[in-house]
PDB file of N, CA and C in Angstrom:
ATOM      1  N   MET A   1      48.772  37.027 -68.028  1.00  0.00           N
ATOM      2  CA  MET A   1      49.155  36.321 -66.834  1.00  0.00           C
ATOM      3  C   MET A   1      50.657  36.505 -66.605  1.00  0.00           C
ATOM      4  N   ARG A   2      51.011  36.924 -65.416  1.00  0.00           N
ATOM      5  CA  ARG A   2      52.415  37.137 -65.057  1.00  0.00           C
ATOM      6  C   ARG A   2      53.047  35.813 -64.651  1.00  0.00           C
ATOM      7  N   ARG A   3      54.228  35.558 -65.169  1.00  0.00           N
ATOM      8  CA  ARG A   3      54.973  34.340 -64.836  1.00  0.00           C
ATOM      9  C   ARG A   3      56.205  34.737 -64.034  1.00  0.00           C
ATOM     10  N   ARG A   4      56.576  33.881 -63.088  1.00  0.00           N
ATOM     11  CA  ARG A   4      57.742  34.166 -62.249  1.00  0.00           C
ATOM     12  C   ARG A   4      58.601  32.914 -62.169  1.00  0.00           C
ATOM     13  N   GLN A   5      59.876  33.072 -62.498  1.00  0.00           N
ATOM     14  CA  GLN A   5      60.802  31.943 -62.482  1.00  0.00           C
ATOM     15  C   GLN A   5      62.148  32.393 -61.934  1.00  0.00           C
ATOM     16  N   ILE A   6      62.881  31.426 -61.412  1.00  0.00           N
ATOM     17  CA  ILE A   6      64.247  31.683 -60.965  1.00  0.00           C
ATOM     18  C   ILE A   6      65.170  30.777 -61.768  1.00  0.00           C
ATOM     19  N   PHE A   7      66.166  31.386 -62.381  1.00  0.00           N
ATOM     20  CA  PHE A   7      67.179  30.659 -63.132  1.00  0.00           C
ATOM     21  C   PHE A   7      68.429  30.599 -62.268  1.00  0.00           C
ATOM     22  N   ARG A   8      68.878  29.387 -61.964  1.00  0.00           N
ATOM     23  CA  ARG A   8      70.037  29.169 -61.093  1.00  0.00           C
ATOM     24  C   ARG A   8      71.231  28.718 -61.928  1.00  0.00           C
ATOM     25  N   PHE A   9      72.383  29.297 -61.615  1.00  0.00           N
ATOM     26  CA  PHE A   9      73.622  28.954 -62.306  1.00  0.00           C
ATOM     27  C   PHE A   9      74.786  29.493 -61.490  1.00  0.00           C
ATOM     28  N   SER A  10      75.963  29.095 -61.865  1.00  0.00           N
ATOM     29  CA  SER A  10      77.175  29.540 -61.184  1.00  0.00           C
ATOM     30  C   SER A  10      77.875  30.580 -62.050  1.00  0.00           C
ATOM     31  N   ALA A  11      78.135  31.751 -61.466  1.00  0.00           N
ATOM     32  CA  ALA A  11      78.840  32.819 -62.175  1.00  0.00           C
ATOM     33  C   ALA A  11      80.018  33.276 -61.321  1.00  0.00           C
ATOM     34  N   GLN A  12      81.094  33.654 -61.971  1.00  0.00           N
ATOM     35  CA  GLN A  12      82.287  34.117 -61.256  1.00  0.00           C
ATOM     36  C   GLN A  12      82.020  35.405 -60.485  1.00  0.00           C
ATOM     37  N   SER A  13      81.130  36.248 -61.017  1.00  0.00           N
ATOM     38  CA  SER A  13      80.840  37.522 -60.351  1.00  0.00           C
ATOM     39  C   SER A  13      79.492  38.063 -60.815  1.00  0.00           C
ATOM     40  N   GLU A  14      78.959  38.971 -60.027  1.00  0.00           N
ATOM     41  CA  GLU A  14      77.712  39.638 -60.399  1.00  0.00           C
ATOM     42  C   GLU A  14      77.925  40.501 -61.641  1.00  0.00           C
ATOM     43  N   THR A  15      79.124  41.029 -61.796  1.00  0.00           N
ATOM     44  CA  THR A  15      79.439  41.850 -62.963  1.00  0.00           C
ATOM     45  C   THR A  15      79.252  41.065 -64.258  1.00  0.00           C
ATOM     46  N   LEU A  16      79.645  39.796 -64.271  1.00  0.00           N
ATOM     47  CA  LEU A  16      79.453  38.964 -65.466  1.00  0.00           C
ATOM     48  C   LEU A  16      77.975  38.766 -65.775  1.00  0.00           C
ATOM     49  N   VAL A  17      77.162  38.641 -64.737  1.00  0.00           N
ATOM     50  CA  VAL A  17      75.717  38.491 -64.935  1.00  0.00           C
ATOM     51  C   VAL A  17      75.147  39.791 -65.502  1.00  0.00           C
ATOM     52  N   GLU A  18      75.577  40.926 -64.958  1.00  0.00           N
ATOM     53  CA  GLU A  18      75.131  42.218 -65.478  1.00  0.00           C
ATOM     54  C   GLU A  18      75.523  42.378 -66.945  1.00  0.00           C
ATOM     55  N   GLN A  19      76.748  41.995 -67.285  1.00  0.00           N
ATOM     56  CA  GLN A  19      77.198  42.094 -68.674  1.00  0.00           C
ATOM     57  C   GLN A  19      76.351  41.212 -69.587  1.00  0.00           C
ATOM     58  N   PHE A  20      76.027  40.009 -69.116  1.00  0.00           N
ATOM     59  CA  PHE A  20      75.161  39.132 -69.905  1.00  0.00           C
ATOM     60  C   PHE A  20      73.812  39.806 -70.158  1.00  0.00           C
ATOM     61  N   LEU A  21      73.198  40.335 -69.096  1.00  0.00           N
ATOM     62  CA  LEU A  21      71.888  40.972 -69.254  1.00  0.00           C
ATOM     63  C   LEU A  21      71.971  42.159 -70.212  1.00  0.00           C
ATOM     64  N   ARG A  22      73.009  42.963 -70.081  1.00  0.00           N
ATOM     65  CA  ARG A  22      73.155  44.107 -70.994  1.00  0.00           C
ATOM     66  C   ARG A  22      73.338  43.657 -72.446  1.00  0.00           C
ATOM     67  N   SER A  23      73.919  42.494 -72.654  1.00  0.00           N
ATOM     68  CA  SER A  23      74.121  42.005 -74.025  1.00  0.00           C
ATOM     69  C   SER A  23      72.796  41.695 -74.718  1.00  0.00           C
ATOM     70  N   LEU A  24      71.740  41.483 -73.949  1.00  0.00           N
ATOM     71  CA  LEU A  24      70.433  41.164 -74.531  1.00  0.00           C
ATOM     72  C   LEU A  24      69.754  42.371 -75.165  1.00  0.00           C
ATOM     73  N   ARG A  25      70.336  43.548 -74.989  1.00  0.00           N
ATOM     74  CA  ARG A  25      69.738  44.722 -75.633  1.00  0.00           C
ATOM     75  C   ARG A  25      69.882  44.660 -77.150  1.00  0.00           C
ATOM     76  N   LYS A  26      70.603  43.665 -77.637  1.00  0.00           N
ATOM     77  CA  LYS A  26      70.670  43.444 -79.094  1.00  0.00           C
ATOM     78  C   LYS A  26      69.331  42.947 -79.635  1.00  0.00           C
ATOM     79  N   ILE A  27      68.531  42.321 -78.760  1.00  0.00           N
ATOM     80  CA  ILE A  27      67.286  41.707 -79.239  1.00  0.00           C
ATOM     81  C   ILE A  27      66.027  42.300 -78.616  1.00  0.00           C
ATOM     82  N   ALA A  28      66.187  43.207 -77.639  1.00  0.00           N
ATOM     83  CA  ALA A  28      65.028  43.837 -76.995  1.00  0.00           C
ATOM     84  C   ALA A  28      65.456  45.185 -76.432  1.00  0.00           C
ATOM     85  N   LEU A  29      64.480  46.023 -76.171  1.00  0.00           N
ATOM     86  CA  LEU A  29      64.774  47.303 -75.531  1.00  0.00           C
ATOM     87  C   LEU A  29      65.059  47.056 -74.056  1.00  0.00           C
ATOM     88  N   LEU A  30      66.043  47.766 -73.508  1.00  0.00           N
ATOM     89  CA  LEU A  30      66.447  47.573 -72.117  1.00  0.00           C
ATOM     90  C   LEU A  30      66.320  48.870 -71.355  1.00  0.00           C
ATOM     91  N   ASP A  31      65.664  48.796 -70.193  1.00  0.00           N
ATOM     92  CA  ASP A  31      65.596  49.903 -69.248  1.00  0.00           C
ATOM     93  C   ASP A  31      66.220  49.396 -67.955  1.00  0.00           C
ATOM     94  N   GLU A  32      67.407  49.908 -67.647  1.00  0.00           N
ATOM     95  CA  GLU A  32      68.074  49.507 -66.412  1.00  0.00           C
ATOM     96  C   GLU A  32      67.555  50.369 -65.287  1.00  0.00           C
ATOM     97  N   GLU A  33      66.910  49.730 -64.342  1.00  0.00           N
ATOM     98  CA  GLU A  33      66.412  50.446 -63.181  1.00  0.00           C
ATOM     99  C   GLU A  33      67.380  50.227 -62.033  1.00  0.00           C
ATOM    100  N   ARG A  34      67.032  50.699 -60.872  1.00  0.00           N
ATOM    101  CA  ARG A  34      67.937  50.665 -59.722  1.00  0.00           C
ATOM    102  C   ARG A  34      68.556  49.291 -59.488  1.00  0.00           C
ATOM    103  N   GLU A  35      67.759  48.274 -59.336  1.00  0.00           N
ATOM    104  CA  GLU A  35      68.291  46.937 -59.084  1.00  0.00           C
ATOM    105  C   GLU A  35      67.707  45.903 -60.034  1.00  0.00           C
ATOM    106  N   SER A  36      67.161  46.363 -61.148  1.00  0.00           N
ATOM    107  CA  SER A  36      66.571  45.403 -62.078  1.00  0.00           C
ATOM    108  C   SER A  36      66.827  45.829 -63.517  1.00  0.00           C
ATOM    109  N   PHE A  37      66.652  44.867 -64.385  1.00  0.00           N
ATOM    110  CA  PHE A  37      66.789  45.070 -65.818  1.00  0.00           C
ATOM    111  C   PHE A  37      65.423  44.751 -66.416  1.00  0.00           C
ATOM    112  N   VAL A  38      64.841  45.707 -67.125  1.00  0.00           N
ATOM    113  CA  VAL A  38      63.508  45.520 -67.698  1.00  0.00           C
ATOM    114  C   VAL A  38      63.625  45.543 -69.225  1.00  0.00           C
ATOM    115  N   PHE A  39      63.239  44.433 -69.832  1.00  0.00           N
ATOM    116  CA  PHE A  39      63.278  44.295 -71.284  1.00  0.00           C
ATOM    117  C   PHE A  39      61.859  44.392 -71.827  1.00  0.00           C
ATOM    118  N   THR A  40      61.717  45.078 -72.956  1.00  0.00           N
ATOM    119  CA  THR A  40      60.430  45.171 -73.645  1.00  0.00           C
ATOM    120  C   THR A  40      60.674  44.961 -75.141  1.00  0.00           C
ATOM    121  N   GLN A  41      59.584  44.806 -75.856  1.00  0.00           N
ATOM    122  CA  GLN A  41      59.659  44.523 -77.286  1.00  0.00           C
ATOM    123  C   GLN A  41      60.191  45.720 -78.062  1.00  0.00           C
ATOM    124  N   ARG A  42      60.759  45.412 -79.180  1.00  0.00           N
ATOM    125  CA  ARG A  42      61.158  46.448 -80.135  1.00  0.00           C
ATOM    126  C   ARG A  42      59.905  46.886 -80.899  1.00  0.00           C
ATOM    127  N   PRO A  43      59.972  48.037 -81.583  1.00  0.00           N
ATOM    128  CA  PRO A  43      58.809  48.483 -82.359  1.00  0.00           C
ATOM    129  C   PRO A  43      58.339  47.404 -83.339  1.00  0.00           C
ATOM    130  N   ASN A  44      57.049  47.318 -83.493  1.00  0.00           N
ATOM    131  CA  ASN A  44      56.394  46.380 -84.417  1.00  0.00           C
ATOM    132  C   ASN A  44      56.521  44.916 -84.015  1.00  0.00           C
ATOM    133  N   GLU A  45      56.852  44.643 -82.758  1.00  0.00           N
ATOM    134  CA  GLU A  45      56.867  43.272 -82.242  1.00  0.00           C
ATOM    135  C   GLU A  45      55.723  43.111 -81.246  1.00  0.00           C
ATOM    136  N   GLN A  46      55.381  41.876 -80.947  1.00  0.00           N
ATOM    137  CA  GLN A  46      54.330  41.606 -79.960  1.00  0.00           C
ATOM    138  C   GLN A  46      54.785  42.116 -78.588  1.00  0.00           C
ATOM    139  N   PRO A  47      53.870  42.736 -77.825  1.00  0.00           N
ATOM    140  CA  PRO A  47      54.263  43.346 -76.552  1.00  0.00           C
ATOM    141  C   PRO A  47      54.600  42.321 -75.464  1.00  0.00           C
ATOM    142  N   PHE A  48      55.644  42.640 -74.705  1.00  0.00           N
ATOM    143  CA  PHE A  48      56.009  41.863 -73.522  1.00  0.00           C
ATOM    144  C   PHE A  48      56.828  42.740 -72.582  1.00  0.00           C
ATOM    145  N   GLU A  49      56.869  42.354 -71.328  1.00  0.00           N
ATOM    146  CA  GLU A  49      57.764  42.943 -70.328  1.00  0.00           C
ATOM    147  C   GLU A  49      58.453  41.797 -69.627  1.00  0.00           C
ATOM    148  N   PHE A  50      59.757  41.923 -69.451  1.00  0.00           N
ATOM    149  CA  PHE A  50      60.580  40.864 -68.889  1.00  0.00           C
ATOM    150  C   PHE A  50      61.478  41.513 -67.847  1.00  0.00           C
ATOM    151  N   HIS A  51      61.148  41.338 -66.562  1.00  0.00           N
ATOM    152  CA  HIS A  51      61.890  41.966 -65.461  1.00  0.00           C
ATOM    153  C   HIS A  51      62.896  40.973 -64.891  1.00  0.00           C
ATOM    154  N   CYS A  52      64.148  41.372 -64.797  1.00  0.00           N
ATOM    155  CA  CYS A  52      65.210  40.508 -64.267  1.00  0.00           C
ATOM    156  C   CYS A  52      65.856  41.173 -63.056  1.00  0.00           C
ATOM    157  N   VAL A  53      66.008  40.404 -61.995  1.00  0.00           N
ATOM    158  CA  VAL A  53      66.718  40.858 -60.802  1.00  0.00           C
ATOM    159  C   VAL A  53      67.782  39.815 -60.493  1.00  0.00           C
ATOM    160  N   ILE A  54      69.005  40.268 -60.320  1.00  0.00           N
ATOM    161  CA  ILE A  54      70.087  39.354 -59.963  1.00  0.00           C
ATOM    162  C   ILE A  54      69.929  38.987 -58.494  1.00  0.00           C
ATOM    163  N   VAL A  55      69.906  37.686 -58.221  1.00  0.00           N
ATOM    164  CA  VAL A  55      69.786  37.176 -56.856  1.00  0.00           C
ATOM    165  C   VAL A  55      70.970  36.246 -56.590  1.00  0.00           C
ATOM    166  N   GLN A  56      71.138  35.873 -55.340  1.00  0.00           N
ATOM    167  CA  GLN A  56      72.206  34.939 -54.982  1.00  0.00           C
ATOM    168  C   GLN A  56      72.069  33.660 -55.801  1.00  0.00           C
ATOM    169  N   GLY A  57      73.056  33.365 -56.620  1.00  0.00           N
ATOM    170  CA  GLY A  57      73.056  32.132 -57.398  1.00  0.00           C
ATOM    171  C   GLY A  57      72.250  32.150 -58.675  1.00  0.00           C
ATOM    172  N   GLY A  58      71.829  33.347 -59.141  1.00  0.00           N
ATOM    173  CA  GLY A  58      71.087  33.351 -60.386  1.00  0.00           C
ATOM    174  C   GLY A  58      70.348  34.640 -60.689  1.00  0.00           C
ATOM    175  N   ILE A  59      69.250  34.505 -61.420  1.00  0.00           N
ATOM    176  CA  ILE A  59      68.417  35.638 -61.834  1.00  0.00           C
ATOM    177  C   ILE A  59      66.959  35.278 -61.593  1.00  0.00           C
ATOM    178  N   GLU A  60      66.246  36.170 -60.919  1.00  0.00           N
ATOM    179  CA  GLU A  60      64.794  36.016 -60.768  1.00  0.00           C
ATOM    180  C   GLU A  60      64.133  36.804 -61.889  1.00  0.00           C
ATOM    181  N   VAL A  61      63.183  36.169 -62.550  1.00  0.00           N
ATOM    182  CA  VAL A  61      62.529  36.754 -63.716  1.00  0.00           C
ATOM    183  C   VAL A  61      61.025  36.788 -63.494  1.00  0.00           C
ATOM    184  N   GLN A  62      60.412  37.917 -63.817  1.00  0.00           N
ATOM    185  CA  GLN A  62      58.954  38.019 -63.892  1.00  0.00           C
ATOM    186  C   GLN A  62      58.650  38.564 -65.276  1.00  0.00           C
ATOM    187  N   TRP A  63      57.735  37.901 -65.965  1.00  0.00           N
ATOM    188  CA  TRP A  63      57.420  38.381 -67.305  1.00  0.00           C
ATOM    189  C   TRP A  63      55.946  38.222 -67.615  1.00  0.00           C
ATOM    190  N   VAL A  64      55.517  39.071 -68.538  1.00  0.00           N
ATOM    191  CA  VAL A  64      54.124  39.085 -68.955  1.00  0.00           C
ATOM    192  C   VAL A  64      54.086  39.409 -70.445  1.00  0.00           C
ATOM    193  N   GLY A  65      53.074  38.920 -71.114  1.00  0.00           N
ATOM    194  CA  GLY A  65      52.912  39.213 -72.531  1.00  0.00           C
ATOM    195  C   GLY A  65      53.488  38.121 -73.405  1.00  0.00           C
ATOM    196  N   ASP A  66      53.742  38.485 -74.643  1.00  0.00           N
ATOM    197  CA  ASP A  66      54.193  37.535 -75.655  1.00  0.00           C
ATOM    198  C   ASP A  66      55.726  37.480 -75.673  1.00  0.00           C
ATOM    199  N   GLY A  67      56.305  37.029 -74.576  1.00  0.00           N
ATOM    200  CA  GLY A  67      57.758  37.040 -74.434  1.00  0.00           C
ATOM    201  C   GLY A  67      58.434  35.713 -74.662  1.00  0.00           C
ATOM    202  N   LEU A  68      57.757  34.758 -75.289  1.00  0.00           N
ATOM    203  CA  LEU A  68      58.362  33.432 -75.465  1.00  0.00           C
ATOM    204  C   LEU A  68      59.616  33.461 -76.343  1.00  0.00           C
ATOM    205  N   LEU A  69      59.628  34.262 -77.387  1.00  0.00           N
ATOM    206  CA  LEU A  69      60.830  34.356 -78.217  1.00  0.00           C
ATOM    207  C   LEU A  69      61.989  34.934 -77.415  1.00  0.00           C
ATOM    208  N   PHE A  70      61.702  35.970 -76.626  1.00  0.00           N
ATOM    209  CA  PHE A  70      62.759  36.543 -75.792  1.00  0.00           C
ATOM    210  C   PHE A  70      63.209  35.531 -74.744  1.00  0.00           C
ATOM    211  N   LEU A  71      62.268  34.825 -74.131  1.00  0.00           N
ATOM    212  CA  LEU A  71      62.617  33.809 -73.137  1.00  0.00           C
ATOM    213  C   LEU A  71      63.544  32.760 -73.748  1.00  0.00           C
ATOM    214  N   GLY A  72      63.256  32.321 -74.955  1.00  0.00           N
ATOM    215  CA  GLY A  72      64.114  31.348 -75.625  1.00  0.00           C
ATOM    216  C   GLY A  72      65.527  31.876 -75.822  1.00  0.00           C
ATOM    217  N   ALA A  73      65.644  33.121 -76.263  1.00  0.00           N
ATOM    218  CA  ALA A  73      66.964  33.730 -76.449  1.00  0.00           C
ATOM    219  C   ALA A  73      67.667  33.919 -75.111  1.00  0.00           C
ATOM    220  N   PHE A  74      66.904  34.263 -74.077  1.00  0.00           N
ATOM    221  CA  PHE A  74      67.442  34.441 -72.726  1.00  0.00           C
ATOM    222  C   PHE A  74      68.046  33.125 -72.228  1.00  0.00           C
ATOM    223  N   VAL A  75      67.299  32.039 -72.342  1.00  0.00           N
ATOM    224  CA  VAL A  75      67.772  30.728 -71.876  1.00  0.00           C
ATOM    225  C   VAL A  75      68.965  30.266 -72.714  1.00  0.00           C
ATOM    226  N   ASP A  76      68.895  30.458 -74.020  1.00  0.00           N
ATOM    227  CA  ASP A  76      70.014  30.088 -74.885  1.00  0.00           C
ATOM    228  C   ASP A  76      71.276  30.854 -74.492  1.00  0.00           C
ATOM    229  N   GLY A  77      71.126  32.143 -74.235  1.00  0.00           N
ATOM    230  CA  GLY A  77      72.269  32.956 -73.819  1.00  0.00           C
ATOM    231  C   GLY A  77      72.822  32.539 -72.471  1.00  0.00           C
ATOM    232  N   LEU A  78      71.921  32.248 -71.524  1.00  0.00           N
ATOM    233  CA  LEU A  78      72.367  31.795 -70.196  1.00  0.00           C
ATOM    234  C   LEU A  78      73.189  30.519 -70.298  1.00  0.00           C
ATOM    235  N   THR A  79      72.688  29.551 -71.036  1.00  0.00           N
ATOM    236  CA  THR A  79      73.397  28.273 -71.126  1.00  0.00           C
ATOM    237  C   THR A  79      74.711  28.421 -71.901  1.00  0.00           C
ATOM    238  N   SER A  80      74.745  29.301 -72.872  1.00  0.00           N
ATOM    239  CA  SER A  80      75.996  29.543 -73.596  1.00  0.00           C
ATOM    240  C   SER A  80      77.033  30.201 -72.692  1.00  0.00           C
ATOM    241  N   GLU A  81      76.581  31.140 -71.879  1.00  0.00           N
ATOM    242  CA  GLU A  81      77.489  31.914 -71.027  1.00  0.00           C
ATOM    243  C   GLU A  81      77.883  31.178 -69.756  1.00  0.00           C
ATOM    244  N   PHE A  82      76.906  30.549 -69.092  1.00  0.00           N
ATOM    245  CA  PHE A  82      77.152  29.992 -67.757  1.00  0.00           C
ATOM    246  C   PHE A  82      77.057  28.463 -67.710  1.00  0.00           C
ATOM    247  N   LYS A  83      76.832  27.852 -68.847  1.00  0.00           N
ATOM    248  CA  LYS A  83      76.784  26.386 -69.020  1.00  0.00           C
ATOM    249  C   LYS A  83      75.576  25.762 -68.331  1.00  0.00           C
ATOM    250  N   GLN A  84      75.739  25.211 -67.157  1.00  0.00           N
ATOM    251  CA  GLN A  84      74.637  24.485 -66.510  1.00  0.00           C
ATOM    252  C   GLN A  84      73.676  25.466 -65.834  1.00  0.00           C
ATOM    253  N   VAL A  85      72.411  25.422 -66.267  1.00  0.00           N
ATOM    254  CA  VAL A  85      71.383  26.332 -65.756  1.00  0.00           C
ATOM    255  C   VAL A  85      70.166  25.502 -65.371  1.00  0.00           C
ATOM    256  N   SER A  86      69.597  25.810 -64.204  1.00  0.00           N
ATOM    257  CA  SER A  86      68.333  25.175 -63.823  1.00  0.00           C
ATOM    258  C   SER A  86      67.284  26.267 -63.664  1.00  0.00           C
ATOM    259  N   MET A  87      66.028  25.875 -63.851  1.00  0.00           N
ATOM    260  CA  MET A  87      64.930  26.828 -63.752  1.00  0.00           C
ATOM    261  C   MET A  87      63.863  26.251 -62.844  1.00  0.00           C
ATOM    262  N   GLU A  88      63.312  27.114 -61.986  1.00  0.00           N
ATOM    263  CA  GLU A  88      62.201  26.699 -61.134  1.00  0.00           C
ATOM    264  C   GLU A  88      61.137  27.783 -61.166  1.00  0.00           C
ATOM    265  N   ASP A  89      59.889  27.360 -61.154  1.00  0.00           N
ATOM    266  CA  ASP A  89      58.800  28.324 -61.043  1.00  0.00           C
ATOM    267  C   ASP A  89      58.791  28.857 -59.621  1.00  0.00           C
ATOM    268  N   ALA A  90      58.549  30.144 -59.509  1.00  0.00           N
ATOM    269  CA  ALA A  90      58.555  30.768 -58.179  1.00  0.00           C
ATOM    270  C   ALA A  90      57.161  31.233 -57.812  1.00  0.00           C
TER     271      ALA A  90
END
């Protein structure tokens, strides 16, 4: 089942958001596409796909598979980097 959420926060620039997303390649494989960042599992981990698109005021995320561990790290990183973060199902 595909899940879709929007994470809202205040960032000084889109570049800072891009840098944050690129920093997540420490914990997952990253494929940067034209306007999105696609994360997948590392070898020997449960499969997931986590698509991120930077939108006005945040990041829109669509994910499928066993991505709860990545989602937890994603949210932890967002709150560490951008402080106040809200999430809504889309």
